[in-house]
C-alpha atoms as a PDB file:
ATOM      1  CA  MET A   1     -37.288  49.358 -10.330  1.00  0.00           C
ATOM      2  CA  SER A   2     -36.979  52.398 -12.059  1.00  0.00           C
ATOM      3  CA  ARG A   3     -35.788  52.474 -15.335  1.00  0.00           C
ATOM      4  CA  ARG A   4     -32.481  54.030 -14.652  1.00  0.00           C
ATOM      5  CA  ILE A   5     -31.729  51.271 -12.260  1.00  0.00           C
ATOM      6  CA  ALA A   6     -32.818  48.925 -14.842  1.00  0.00           C
ATOM      7  CA  LEU A   7     -30.647  49.923 -17.311  1.00  0.00           C
ATOM      8  CA  ILE A   8     -27.529  49.940 -15.005  1.00  0.00           C
ATOM      9  CA  VAL A   9     -28.239  46.457 -14.015  1.00  0.00           C
ATOM     10  CA  CYS A  10     -28.748  45.724 -17.934  1.00  0.00           C
ATOM     11  CA  GLY A  11     -25.499  47.170 -18.502  1.00  0.00           C
ATOM     12  CA  ALA A  12     -23.776  45.173 -15.993  1.00  0.00           C
ATOM     13  CA  LEU A  13     -24.928  41.743 -16.623  1.00  0.00           C
ATOM     14  CA  LEU A  14     -23.908  42.632 -20.425  1.00  0.00           C
ATOM     15  CA  LEU A  15     -20.322  43.576 -19.000  1.00  0.00           C
ATOM     16  CA  VAL A  16     -20.275  40.502 -17.238  1.00  0.00           C
ATOM     17  CA  ALA A  17     -21.254  38.372 -20.341  1.00  0.00           C
ATOM     18  CA  ALA A  18     -19.064  39.890 -22.648  1.00  0.00           C
ATOM     19  CA  GLY A  19     -16.410  39.444 -19.907  1.00  0.00           C
ATOM     20  CA  PHE A  20     -17.139  35.865 -19.621  1.00  0.00           C
ATOM     21  CA  TRP A  21     -17.003  34.988 -23.483  1.00  0.00           C
ATOM     22  CA  MET A  22     -13.599  36.805 -23.911  1.00  0.00           C
ATOM     23  CA  SER A  23     -12.385  34.570 -21.306  1.00  0.00           C
ATOM     24  CA  THR A  24     -13.685  31.339 -22.874  1.00  0.00           C
ATOM     25  CA  HIS A  25     -12.744  32.777 -26.366  1.00  0.00           C
ATOM     26  CA  ARG A  26      -9.087  34.296 -25.673  1.00  0.00           C
ATOM     27  CA  GLN A  27      -6.793  33.891 -28.149  1.00  0.00           C
ATOM     28  CA  PRO A  28      -3.542  32.403 -27.212  1.00  0.00           C
ATOM     29  CA  GLN A  29      -1.109  34.890 -25.446  1.00  0.00           C
ATOM     30  CA  SER A  30       1.841  33.662 -27.617  1.00  0.00           C
ATOM     31  CA  PRO A  31       1.507  32.508 -31.510  1.00  0.00           C
ATOM     32  CA  ARG A  32       1.473  28.675 -31.440  1.00  0.00           C
ATOM     33  CA  ASP A  33       0.930  25.625 -34.232  1.00  0.00           C
ATOM     34  CA  LEU A  34      -1.475  23.414 -33.130  1.00  0.00           C
ATOM     35  CA  ILE A  35      -0.404  19.599 -33.266  1.00  0.00           C
ATOM     36  CA  GLY A  36      -4.129  17.870 -33.911  1.00  0.00           C
ATOM     37  CA  GLY A  37      -5.009  14.777 -32.287  1.00  0.00           C
ATOM     38  CA  GLY A  38      -7.220  11.821 -31.072  1.00  0.00           C
ATOM     39  CA  ASP A  39     -10.091  12.017 -28.668  1.00  0.00           C
ATOM     40  CA  GLY A  40      -7.267  11.939 -25.646  1.00  0.00           C
ATOM     41  CA  GLY A  41      -8.973   8.792 -24.134  1.00  0.00           C
ATOM     42  CA  GLY A  42      -7.156   7.115 -20.985  1.00  0.00           C
ATOM     43  CA  LEU A  43      -4.200   4.601 -21.460  1.00  0.00           C
ATOM     44  CA  PRO A  44      -4.868   0.987 -19.364  1.00  0.00           C
ATOM     45  CA  ARG A  45      -3.783   0.536 -15.964  1.00  0.00           C
ATOM     46  CA  ALA A  46      -2.628  -2.644 -13.899  1.00  0.00           C
ATOM     47  CA  ASN A  47      -1.604  -3.816 -10.719  1.00  0.00           C
ATOM     48  CA  PRO A  48       2.433  -3.473 -10.377  1.00  0.00           C
ATOM     49  CA  LEU A  49       2.418  -7.153  -9.381  1.00  0.00           C
ATOM     50  CA  ASP A  50       0.339  -8.031 -12.118  1.00  0.00           C
ATOM     51  CA  GLU A  51       3.118  -6.209 -14.586  1.00  0.00           C
ATOM     52  CA  ARG A  52       5.603  -8.220 -11.918  1.00  0.00           C
ATOM     53  CA  ILE A  53       6.909  -4.975 -10.155  1.00  0.00           C
ATOM     54  CA  ASP A  54       7.301  -4.587  -6.731  1.00  0.00           C
ATOM     55  CA  ASP A  55       4.709  -1.806  -5.701  1.00  0.00           C
ATOM     56  CA  ALA A  56       6.068  -1.406  -2.167  1.00  0.00           C
ATOM     57  CA  ALA A  57       9.695  -0.623  -3.707  1.00  0.00           C
ATOM     58  CA  LEU A  58       8.035   1.833  -5.928  1.00  0.00           C
ATOM     59  CA  GLU A  59       6.303   3.636  -3.069  1.00  0.00           C
ATOM     60  CA  ARG A  60       9.429   3.966  -1.204  1.00  0.00           C
ATOM     61  CA  ALA A  61      11.107   5.254  -4.311  1.00  0.00           C
ATOM     62  CA  VAL A  62       8.467   8.441  -4.251  1.00  0.00           C
ATOM     63  CA  GLN A  63       9.831   8.936  -0.600  1.00  0.00           C
ATOM     64  CA  ASP A  64      13.325   8.866  -1.857  1.00  0.00           C
ATOM     65  CA  PRO A  65      15.498  12.072  -1.673  1.00  0.00           C
ATOM     66  CA  SER A  66      15.876  11.931  -5.365  1.00  0.00           C
ATOM     67  CA  ALA A  67      12.050  12.583  -5.702  1.00  0.00           C
ATOM     68  CA  GLN A  68      11.961  15.850  -3.901  1.00  0.00           C
ATOM     69  CA  GLY A  69       9.540  18.214  -5.383  1.00  0.00           C
ATOM     70  CA  LEU A  70       7.680  15.793  -7.309  1.00  0.00           C
ATOM     71  CA  GLN A  71       5.256  16.821  -9.870  1.00  0.00           C
ATOM     72  CA  ALA A  72       4.637  13.679 -11.522  1.00  0.00           C
ATOM     73  CA  PHE A  73       6.239  10.068 -11.306  1.00  0.00           C
ATOM     74  CA  LEU A  74       4.461   7.241 -13.652  1.00  0.00           C
ATOM     75  CA  VAL A  75       6.131   3.796 -14.338  1.00  0.00           C
ATOM     76  CA  MET A  76       4.358   1.895 -17.346  1.00  0.00           C
ATOM     77  CA  ARG A  77       5.218  -1.843 -18.395  1.00  0.00           C
ATOM     78  CA  GLU A  78       4.131  -3.589 -21.594  1.00  0.00           C
ATOM     79  CA  GLY A  79       1.847  -0.592 -22.056  1.00  0.00           C
ATOM     80  CA  HIS A  80       0.241  -0.343 -18.909  1.00  0.00           C
ATOM     81  CA  ILE A  81       0.750   2.690 -16.548  1.00  0.00           C
ATOM     82  CA  VAL A  82       1.237   0.472 -13.071  1.00  0.00           C
ATOM     83  CA  PHE A  83       1.791   3.381 -10.765  1.00  0.00           C
ATOM     84  CA  GLU A  84       1.142   7.302 -10.576  1.00  0.00           C
ATOM     85  CA  ARG A  85       1.814   9.991  -8.227  1.00  0.00           C
ATOM     86  CA  TYR A  86       1.348  13.692  -8.821  1.00  0.00           C
ATOM     87  CA  GLY A  87       2.061  17.041  -6.956  1.00  0.00           C
ATOM     88  CA  ALA A  88       2.286  20.571  -7.167  1.00  0.00           C
ATOM     89  CA  GLY A  89      -0.979  20.937  -8.404  1.00  0.00           C
ATOM     90  CA  LEU A  90      -0.362  18.479 -11.510  1.00  0.00           C
ATOM     91  CA  SER A  91      -2.182  15.779 -12.839  1.00  0.00           C
ATOM     92  CA  ALA A  92      -2.261  13.113 -15.748  1.00  0.00           C
ATOM     93  CA  GLU A  93      -4.214  15.785 -17.936  1.00  0.00           C
ATOM     94  CA  SER A  94      -2.020  18.786 -16.777  1.00  0.00           C
ATOM     95  CA  MET A  95      -0.281  20.334 -19.909  1.00  0.00           C
ATOM     96  CA  ILE A  96       3.456  20.582 -19.670  1.00  0.00           C
ATOM     97  CA  ASP A  97       6.139  22.094 -22.004  1.00  0.00           C
ATOM     98  CA  GLY A  98       8.572  18.998 -22.425  1.00  0.00           C
ATOM     99  CA  GLY A  99      11.717  20.767 -23.763  1.00  0.00           C
ATOM    100  CA  ALA A 100      14.225  18.761 -24.952  1.00  0.00           C
ATOM    101  CA  PHE A 101      11.620  16.055 -25.010  1.00  0.00           C
ATOM    102  CA  ALA A 102      10.534  17.145 -28.473  1.00  0.00           C
ATOM    103  CA  GLN A 103      13.639  16.079 -30.238  1.00  0.00           C
ATOM    104  CA  ALA A 104      12.509  12.619 -29.746  1.00  0.00           C
ATOM    105  CA  LEU A 105       9.183  13.373 -31.424  1.00  0.00           C
ATOM    106  CA  LEU A 106      11.176  15.330 -34.484  1.00  0.00           C
ATOM    107  CA  ALA A 107      13.245  11.795 -34.553  1.00  0.00           C
ATOM    108  CA  LEU A 108      10.117   9.549 -34.850  1.00  0.00           C
ATOM    109  CA  ALA A 109       8.638  11.776 -37.651  1.00  0.00           C
ATOM    110  CA  VAL A 110      11.975  11.781 -39.463  1.00  0.00           C
ATOM    111  CA  GLY A 111      11.679   7.604 -39.250  1.00  0.00           C
ATOM    112  CA  VAL A 112       8.533   7.936 -40.823  1.00  0.00           C
ATOM    113  CA  ALA A 113       9.287  10.200 -43.580  1.00  0.00           C
ATOM    114  CA  VAL A 114      12.369   7.817 -44.686  1.00  0.00           C
ATOM    115  CA  ASN A 115      10.136   4.900 -44.808  1.00  0.00           C
ATOM    116  CA  ASP A 116       7.832   7.004 -46.766  1.00  0.00           C
ATOM    117  CA  GLY A 117      10.276   8.377 -49.085  1.00  0.00           C
ATOM    118  CA  THR A 118       9.627  11.957 -48.389  1.00  0.00           C
ATOM    119  CA  LEU A 119      13.196  12.114 -46.626  1.00  0.00           C
ATOM    120  CA  PRO A 120      16.368  10.220 -48.420  1.00  0.00           C
ATOM    121  CA  PRO A 121      18.344   7.711 -46.077  1.00  0.00           C
ATOM    122  CA  ALA A 122      21.272  10.223 -46.410  1.00  0.00           C
ATOM    123  CA  ALA A 123      19.422  13.127 -44.729  1.00  0.00           C
ATOM    124  CA  VAL A 124      19.835  11.318 -41.020  1.00  0.00           C
ATOM    125  CA  GLN A 125      23.305  11.167 -40.937  1.00  0.00           C
ATOM    126  CA  GLY A 126      23.052  13.417 -37.953  1.00  0.00           C
ATOM    127  CA  PHE A 127      20.847  15.160 -35.552  1.00  0.00           C
ATOM    128  CA  ASP A 128      20.135  18.620 -36.987  1.00  0.00           C
ATOM    129  CA  PRO A 129      16.568  19.820 -35.616  1.00  0.00           C
ATOM    130  CA  ASN A 130      16.188  22.960 -38.011  1.00  0.00           C
ATOM    131  CA  MET A 131      17.625  20.816 -40.892  1.00  0.00           C
ATOM    132  CA  LEU A 132      15.631  18.225 -40.471  1.00  0.00           C
ATOM    133  CA  ARG A 133      12.509  20.084 -40.127  1.00  0.00           C
ATOM    134  CA  ALA A 134      12.745  22.359 -42.855  1.00  0.00           C
ATOM    135  CA  ALA A 135      13.527  18.766 -45.144  1.00  0.00           C
ATOM    136  CA  ILE A 136      10.056  17.416 -43.725  1.00  0.00           C
ATOM    137  CA  GLU A 137       8.440  20.697 -44.880  1.00  0.00           C
ATOM    138  CA  THR A 138       9.933  20.890 -48.428  1.00  0.00           C
ATOM    139  CA  GLY A 139       9.309  17.489 -48.865  1.00  0.00           C
ATOM    140  CA  THR A 140       5.532  17.319 -47.800  1.00  0.00           C
ATOM    141  CA  GLN A 141       4.687  20.704 -48.527  1.00  0.00           C
ATOM    142  CA  GLN A 142       3.156  21.072 -45.313  1.00  0.00           C
ATOM    143  CA  PRO A 143       3.863  22.396 -42.060  1.00  0.00           C
ATOM    144  CA  TYR A 144       6.139  20.423 -39.679  1.00  0.00           C
ATOM    145  CA  ALA A 145       3.052  20.755 -36.915  1.00  0.00           C
ATOM    146  CA  LEU A 146       0.536  19.133 -39.385  1.00  0.00           C
ATOM    147  CA  TYR A 147       2.837  16.525 -40.509  1.00  0.00           C
ATOM    148  CA  LEU A 148       3.683  15.233 -36.753  1.00  0.00           C
ATOM    149  CA  SER A 149       0.023  15.466 -36.367  1.00  0.00           C
ATOM    150  CA  ARG A 150      -1.027  13.235 -39.137  1.00  0.00           C
ATOM    151  CA  LYS A 151       2.084  10.591 -39.150  1.00  0.00           C
ATOM    152  CA  LEU A 152       2.135  10.115 -35.184  1.00  0.00           C
ATOM    153  CA  TRP A 153       0.145  12.384 -32.723  1.00  0.00           C
ATOM    154  CA  SER A 154      -3.212  11.776 -34.079  1.00  0.00           C
ATOM    155  CA  ARG A 155      -2.198   8.085 -34.800  1.00  0.00           C
ATOM    156  CA  LEU A 156      -1.331   7.765 -30.812  1.00  0.00           C
ATOM    157  CA  ASN A 157      -5.110   9.113 -30.141  1.00  0.00           C
ATOM    158  CA  ALA A 158      -3.519  11.591 -28.181  1.00  0.00           C
ATOM    159  CA  ASP A 159      -5.362  14.948 -26.960  1.00  0.00           C
ATOM    160  CA  PRO A 160      -4.368  17.757 -29.091  1.00  0.00           C
ATOM    161  CA  ALA A 161      -0.988  19.498 -28.571  1.00  0.00           C
ATOM    162  CA  TRP A 162       0.904  22.660 -29.411  1.00  0.00           C
ATOM    163  CA  ILE A 163       4.276  24.065 -30.413  1.00  0.00           C
ATOM    164  CA  ALA A 164       5.143  27.388 -29.222  1.00  0.00           C
ATOM    165  CA  ARG A 165       6.208  29.861 -31.913  1.00  0.00           C
ATOM    166  CA  PRO A 166       9.203  32.502 -31.289  1.00  0.00           C
ATOM    167  CA  ALA A 167       8.855  35.917 -31.401  1.00  0.00           C
ATOM    168  CA  GLY A 168       8.901  37.416 -35.072  1.00  0.00           C
ATOM    169  CA  ALA A 169       9.083  35.592 -37.981  1.00  0.00           C
ATOM    170  CA  ALA A 170      11.174  32.614 -36.743  1.00  0.00           C
ATOM    171  CA  ALA A 171      10.121  28.978 -37.833  1.00  0.00           C
ATOM    172  CA  VAL A 172       8.647  26.712 -35.659  1.00  0.00           C
ATOM    173  CA  PRO A 173      10.798  24.888 -33.633  1.00  0.00           C
ATOM    174  CA  ALA A 174      11.352  21.400 -33.649  1.00  0.00           C
ATOM    175  CA  ASP A 175      13.701  20.847 -30.451  1.00  0.00           C
ATOM    176  CA  CYS A 176      11.669  22.192 -27.874  1.00  0.00           C
ATOM    177  CA  CYS A 177       8.121  24.393 -27.113  1.00  0.00           C
ATOM    178  CA  LEU A 178       5.979  21.054 -27.407  1.00  0.00           C
ATOM    179  CA  HIS A 179       3.279  21.106 -25.108  1.00  0.00           C
ATOM    180  CA  ALA A 180       1.485  18.138 -23.991  1.00  0.00           C
ATOM    181  CA  ARG A 181      -0.716  16.363 -21.559  1.00  0.00           C
ATOM    182  CA  VAL A 182       1.502  14.368 -18.745  1.00  0.00           C
ATOM    183  CA  LEU A 183      -0.623  11.379 -19.989  1.00  0.00           C
ATOM    184  CA  ASP A 184       0.260  12.063 -23.753  1.00  0.00           C
ATOM    185  CA  TRP A 185       4.040  11.730 -23.192  1.00  0.00           C
ATOM    186  CA  MET A 186       3.508   8.556 -21.873  1.00  0.00           C
ATOM    187  CA  ARG A 187       2.219   7.495 -24.810  1.00  0.00           C
ATOM    188  CA  VAL A 188       5.297   8.276 -26.544  1.00  0.00           C
ATOM    189  CA  ALA A 189       7.086   6.536 -23.931  1.00  0.00           C
ATOM    190  CA  SER A 190       5.203   3.343 -24.820  1.00  0.00           C
ATOM    191  CA  LEU A 191       5.890   3.759 -28.383  1.00  0.00           C
ATOM    192  CA  LEU A 192       9.729   4.510 -27.780  1.00  0.00           C
ATOM    193  CA  ALA A 193       9.795   1.166 -25.085  1.00  0.00           C
ATOM    194  CA  ASP A 194       8.046  -1.139 -27.596  1.00  0.00           C
ATOM    195  CA  ASN A 195      10.310  -0.604 -30.931  1.00  0.00           C
ATOM    196  CA  GLY A 196       7.727   1.881 -32.698  1.00  0.00           C
ATOM    197  CA  ARG A 197       4.466  -0.023 -31.740  1.00  0.00           C
ATOM    198  CA  PHE A 198       1.578   1.263 -29.828  1.00  0.00           C
ATOM    199  CA  GLU A 199      -1.353  -0.759 -28.748  1.00  0.00           C
ATOM    200  CA  GLY A 200      -0.460  -3.780 -31.108  1.00  0.00           C
ATOM    201  CA  LYS A 201       0.059  -1.376 -34.267  1.00  0.00           C
ATOM    202  CA  GLN A 202       3.288  -0.513 -35.592  1.00  0.00           C
ATOM    203  CA  LEU A 203       3.228   3.262 -36.050  1.00  0.00           C
ATOM    204  CA  ILE A 204       7.483   3.647 -36.349  1.00  0.00           C
ATOM    205  CA  PRO A 205       9.588   1.348 -38.949  1.00  0.00           C
ATOM    206  CA  ALA A 206      10.596  -1.881 -36.832  1.00  0.00           C
ATOM    207  CA  GLY A 207      14.173  -1.005 -35.797  1.00  0.00           C
ATOM    208  CA  TRP A 208      13.951   2.426 -36.005  1.00  0.00           C
ATOM    209  CA  VAL A 209      14.142   3.323 -32.438  1.00  0.00           C
ATOM    210  CA  GLN A 210      17.220   1.264 -32.416  1.00  0.00           C
ATOM    211  CA  ARG A 211      18.899   3.285 -34.870  1.00  0.00           C
ATOM    212  CA  MET A 212      17.677   6.569 -32.733  1.00  0.00           C
ATOM    213  CA  GLN A 213      20.020   4.826 -30.004  1.00  0.00           C
ATOM    214  CA  ARG A 214      23.144   4.699 -32.150  1.00  0.00           C
ATOM    215  CA  PRO A 215      25.822   7.608 -31.231  1.00  0.00           C
ATOM    216  CA  VAL A 216      25.673  10.709 -32.779  1.00  0.00           C
ATOM    217  CA  SER A 217      28.229  11.693 -31.123  1.00  0.00           C
ATOM    218  CA  LEU A 218      31.845  11.223 -30.961  1.00  0.00           C
ATOM    219  CA  ASP A 219      31.515  10.933 -27.232  1.00  0.00           C
ATOM    220  CA  ALA A 220      28.820   8.393 -27.310  1.00  0.00           C
ATOM    221  CA  VAL A 221      26.201  10.528 -25.352  1.00  0.00           C
ATOM    222  CA  ARG A 222      24.023  11.805 -27.894  1.00  0.00           C
ATOM    223  CA  GLY A 223      21.634   9.331 -29.941  1.00  0.00           C
ATOM    224  CA  PHE A 224      19.414  10.468 -32.811  1.00  0.00           C
ATOM    225  CA  GLY A 225      17.309  12.915 -30.640  1.00  0.00           C
ATOM    226  CA  VAL A 226      18.121  10.844 -27.533  1.00  0.00           C
ATOM    227  CA  GLU A 227      20.223  10.736 -24.641  1.00  0.00           C
ATOM    228  CA  LEU A 228      22.136   7.472 -24.368  1.00  0.00           C
ATOM    229  CA  ALA A 229      22.979   6.050 -20.781  1.00  0.00           C
ATOM    230  CA  ALA A 230      26.667   7.645 -20.738  1.00  0.00           C
ATOM    231  CA  ALA A 231      25.209  11.100 -20.890  1.00  0.00           C
ATOM    232  CA  ALA A 232      23.710  10.682 -17.244  1.00  0.00           C
ATOM    233  CA  HIS A 233      24.983  12.377 -14.182  1.00  0.00           C
ATOM    234  CA  GLY A 234      24.484  10.014 -10.870  1.00  0.00           C
ATOM    235  CA  ALA A 235      26.315   8.244  -8.181  1.00  0.00           C
ATOM    236  CA  GLU A 236      26.135   5.077  -9.947  1.00  0.00           C
ATOM    237  CA  PRO A 237      25.397   3.593 -13.523  1.00  0.00           C
ATOM    238  CA  PHE A 238      21.791   2.578 -14.764  1.00  0.00           C
ATOM    239  CA  ALA A 239      20.866  -0.787 -13.085  1.00  0.00           C
ATOM    240  CA  THR A 240      20.524  -2.594 -16.743  1.00  0.00           C
ATOM    241  CA  ARG A 241      22.010  -2.136 -20.336  1.00  0.00           C
ATOM    242  CA  ASP A 242      20.128  -0.802 -23.434  1.00  0.00           C
ATOM    243  CA  LEU A 243      18.530   2.246 -21.625  1.00  0.00           C
ATOM    244  CA  PHE A 244      18.460   5.331 -23.096  1.00  0.00           C
ATOM    245  CA  PHE A 245      16.205   8.633 -21.701  1.00  0.00           C
ATOM    246  CA  LEU A 246      14.724  12.363 -22.449  1.00  0.00           C
ATOM    247  CA  ARG A 247      16.228  15.018 -20.779  1.00  0.00           C
ATOM    248  CA  GLY A 248      13.272  17.740 -20.610  1.00  0.00           C
ATOM    249  CA  PRO A 249      13.117  21.389 -18.716  1.00  0.00           C
ATOM    250  CA  GLN A 250      14.073  21.324 -14.571  1.00  0.00           C
ATOM    251  CA  ASN A 251      14.119  17.579 -13.483  1.00  0.00           C
ATOM    252  CA  TRP A 252      11.677  16.088 -15.903  1.00  0.00           C
ATOM    253  CA  ARG A 253      13.116  12.955 -17.268  1.00  0.00           C
ATOM    254  CA  LEU A 254      11.871   9.893 -19.254  1.00  0.00           C
ATOM    255  CA  TRP A 255      13.467   6.676 -18.790  1.00  0.00           C
ATOM    256  CA  LEU A 256      13.326   3.812 -21.772  1.00  0.00           C
ATOM    257  CA  ILE A 257      14.276   0.563 -20.904  1.00  0.00           C
ATOM    258  CA  PRO A 258      13.201  -1.377 -23.862  1.00  0.00           C
ATOM    259  CA  PRO A 259      14.192  -4.816 -23.154  1.00  0.00           C
ATOM    260  CA  LEU A 260      12.056  -4.792 -20.096  1.00  0.00           C
ATOM    261  CA  LYS A 261       9.203  -2.839 -21.932  1.00  0.00           C
ATOM    262  CA  LEU A 262       9.362  -0.353 -19.007  1.00  0.00           C
ATOM    263  CA  ALA A 263       9.308   3.433 -19.263  1.00  0.00           C
ATOM    264  CA  VAL A 264       9.329   5.811 -16.002  1.00  0.00           C
ATOM    265  CA  LEU A 265       8.354   9.605 -16.239  1.00  0.00           C
ATOM    266  CA  PHE A 266       9.445  11.598 -13.818  1.00  0.00           C
ATOM    267  CA  GLY A 267       9.018  15.358 -13.181  1.00  0.00           C
ATOM    268  CA  ALA A 268      10.098  17.779 -10.151  1.00  0.00           C
ATOM    269  CA  ALA A 269      10.440  22.221 -10.484  1.00  0.00           C
ATOM    270  CA  ALA A 270      13.678  21.943  -8.661  1.00  0.00           C
ATOM    271  CA  SER A 271      16.628  22.296 -10.935  1.00  0.00           C
ATOM    272  CA  SER A 272      19.998  20.883  -9.613  1.00  0.00           C
ATOM    273  CA  ALA A 273      23.112  20.578 -11.345  1.00  0.00           C
ATOM    274  CA  THR A 274      24.087  17.877  -8.597  1.00  0.00           C
ATOM    275  CA  TRP A 275      20.551  15.759  -9.310  1.00  0.00           C
ATOM    276  CA  ASP A 276      21.127  12.474  -9.454  1.00  0.00           C
ATOM    277  CA  GLU A 277      19.646  11.093 -13.222  1.00  0.00           C
ATOM    278  CA  THR A 278      20.231   7.418 -12.162  1.00  0.00           C
ATOM    279  CA  ARG A 279      18.927   6.668  -8.973  1.00  0.00           C
ATOM    280  CA  LEU A 280      15.154   6.786  -9.578  1.00  0.00           C
ATOM    281  CA  PRO A 281      15.334   4.738 -12.724  1.00  0.00           C
ATOM    282  CA  ASN A 282      17.306   2.687 -10.822  1.00  0.00           C
ATOM    283  CA  LEU A 283      15.189   1.848  -7.748  1.00  0.00           C
ATOM    284  CA  VAL A 284      12.326   0.861 -10.359  1.00  0.00           C
ATOM    285  CA  ILE A 285      14.224  -1.708 -12.519  1.00  0.00           C
ATOM    286  CA  ARG A 286      15.459  -3.095  -9.596  1.00  0.00           C
ATOM    287  CA  ALA A 287      11.551  -3.466  -8.652  1.00  0.00           C
ATOM    288  CA  VAL A 288      11.116  -5.189 -11.490  1.00  0.00           C
ATOM    289  CA  SER A 289      10.952  -9.391 -10.324  1.00  0.00           C
ATOM    290  CA  ASP A 290      11.845 -10.994 -13.687  1.00  0.00           C
ATOM    291  CA  ARG A 291      14.610  -8.633 -15.266  1.00  0.00           C
ATOM    292  CA  PRO A 292      17.519 -10.862 -16.193  1.00  0.00           C
ATOM    293  CA  SER A 293      20.672 -10.526 -14.252  1.00  0.00           C
ATOM    294  CA  GLU A 294      23.110  -8.515 -16.098  1.00  0.00           C
ATOM    295  CA  PRO A 295      26.369 -10.529 -16.847  1.00  0.00           C
ATOM    296  CA  GLY A 296      29.364  -9.613 -14.532  1.00  0.00           C
ATOM    297  CA  ASN A 297      26.403  -8.766 -11.981  1.00  0.00           C
ATOM    298  CA  ALA A 298      26.060 -11.888  -9.270  1.00  0.00           C
ATOM    299  CA  THR A 299      22.884 -12.537  -8.018  1.00  0.00           C
ATOM    300  CA  ASP A 300      21.822 -12.740  -4.423  1.00  0.00           C
ATOM    301  CA  LEU A 301      22.176 -16.658  -4.650  1.00  0.00           C
ATOM    302  CA  GLN A 302      25.596 -16.279  -6.516  1.00  0.00           C
ATOM    303  CA  ARG A 303      26.422 -13.932  -3.536  1.00  0.00           C
ATOM    304  CA  LEU A 304      25.536 -16.113  -0.731  1.00  0.00           C
ATOM    305  CA  VAL A 305      26.634 -19.289  -2.816  1.00  0.00           C
ATOM    306  CA  PRO A 306      29.503 -19.779  -4.339  1.00  0.00           C
ATOM    307  CA  GLY A 307      29.503 -21.217  -7.663  1.00  0.00           C
ATOM    308  CA  HIS A 308      25.988 -21.189  -8.143  1.00  0.00           C
END
């Protein structure tokens, strides 16, 4: 090989190496605030029947027209993932922008801040995300993302997440734009469905999740960082009481049913103003074999045999 050819080959190899280094060390396209986490390990799984859920009913729910465009569908009970399906190239490890899911994280962080004296109780009379984020940052003298990481995200052992910053000098938002793995949103679900407990530890003050479910709007559709049952758009009401939910982008929803320690996450890319927000959670709720009957709703036996 001549010296000239050798130089050309070496130059080409250097360009390839430089391109590889840049691709693996490229800075984010947009500014972001990192939320440090833990080791991001897996969550415990269980068979649906072991958690008293009809697995055949869950399979039918996946085929229901309301699940059209499915990207993720996960069911958790008693802290165990009992069912999961993915589509459109997503997996448990996929990072998603949860949109308004972030408001629930802010609400949880506020509960911790009130408990540790960072925020006075009077600061939580209403839910103003910008005001609450600023109050946390003023009280702790640290960025909101750092406080969220130390007080919540790392304690959930979640993988690192991040919040996209807006252009310019605007403050980091606390009501949107938080990117986290699908699996880690289920950690949040476990916390919300079990009164602030995660894997046996009380991470959020006892009673705070119930406090989040009190209406903060006159029409009683909004709680403190969460959507209440009256906010849902569906052909029928929810099949159980004491349900609240998070409304993400497009057809992403996270439904929480604390009395059953049940959580359902569904995501679809399609967005429709007429999409039924009660259909899928009701299919899952009705698949739970040990759920108590609702007052005023006759059981199958009562319908068949009056007086029983």
